[in-house]
Amino acid sequence: MRTWLTRLWRYLREVSGDDAYERYLKHHAEAHPDEPPLSCKAFYQRELERKWSGVKRCC
């Protein structure tokens, strides 16, 4: 039962985007080991800017 709940929790965090920073850190460590990663606050600020910048509708 415990492993099932753990898997469910991980799945929910992945689907909701709650684990975005952890995934970013993992990717950054693998792809850019010589550069320091963004702080948690800077990461979420960049994601907000990426998400809300630009035209999102036709009119």
Protein backbone atom coordinates (compact mmCIF):
# COMPACT_ATOMS: atom_id res chain seq x y z
CA MET A 1 0.00 0.00 0.00
CA ARG A 2 2.81 2.42 0.84
CA THR A 3 4.57 2.01 -2.51
CA TRP A 4 1.27 2.53 -4.31
CA LEU A 5 0.68 5.79 -2.46
CA THR A 6 4.24 6.91 -3.14
CA ARG A 7 3.81 6.26 -6.86
CA LEU A 8 0.48 8.05 -6.88
CA TRP A 9 2.00 11.05 -5.09
CA ARG A 10 4.91 11.22 -7.55
CA TYR A 11 2.50 10.99 -10.48
CA LEU A 12 0.30 13.79 -9.11
CA ARG A 13 3.32 16.03 -8.55
CA GLU A 14 4.53 15.36 -12.09
CA VAL A 15 1.14 16.02 -13.70
CA SER A 16 0.53 19.19 -11.70
CA GLY A 17 4.04 20.56 -12.33
CA ASP A 18 4.85 20.64 -8.64
CA ASP A 19 8.13 18.83 -9.27
CA ALA A 20 9.25 21.21 -12.04
CA TYR A 21 12.18 22.61 -10.07
CA GLU A 22 13.45 19.16 -9.12
CA ARG A 23 13.26 18.06 -12.78
CA TYR A 24 15.06 21.26 -13.80
CA LEU A 25 17.87 20.59 -11.31
CA LYS A 26 18.27 17.04 -12.59
CA HIS A 27 18.37 18.16 -16.22
CA HIS A 28 20.73 21.03 -15.44
CA ALA A 29 23.17 18.76 -13.62
CA GLU A 30 23.25 16.37 -16.59
CA ALA A 31 23.29 18.89 -19.45
CA HIS A 32 25.15 21.86 -17.94
CA PRO A 33 27.42 20.58 -15.15
CA ASP A 34 29.81 23.54 -15.44
CA GLU A 35 27.13 26.22 -14.88
CA PRO A 36 25.39 26.98 -11.59
CA PRO A 37 21.63 26.32 -11.61
CA LEU A 38 19.02 29.00 -11.03
CA SER A 39 17.69 29.46 -7.54
CA CYS A 40 14.20 28.20 -6.86
CA LYS A 41 12.83 31.75 -6.86
CA ALA A 42 14.60 32.68 -10.11
CA PHE A 43 13.42 29.46 -11.77
CA TYR A 44 9.76 30.11 -10.98
CA GLN A 45 10.08 33.77 -11.99
CA ARG A 46 11.51 32.70 -15.37
CA GLU A 47 8.71 30.17 -15.82
CA LEU A 48 6.07 32.80 -15.05
CA GLU A 49 7.61 35.19 -17.57
CA ARG A 50 7.81 32.45 -20.19
CA LYS A 51 4.23 31.41 -19.60
CA TRP A 52 2.65 34.87 -19.62
CA SER A 53 4.79 36.76 -22.16
CA GLY A 54 3.60 37.25 -25.70
CA VAL A 55 0.21 37.31 -27.35
CA LYS A 56 -2.03 34.49 -26.20
CA ARG A 57 -5.18 35.29 -28.16
CA CYS A 58 -6.15 36.35 -31.63
CA CYS A 59 -8.07 39.57 -30.88
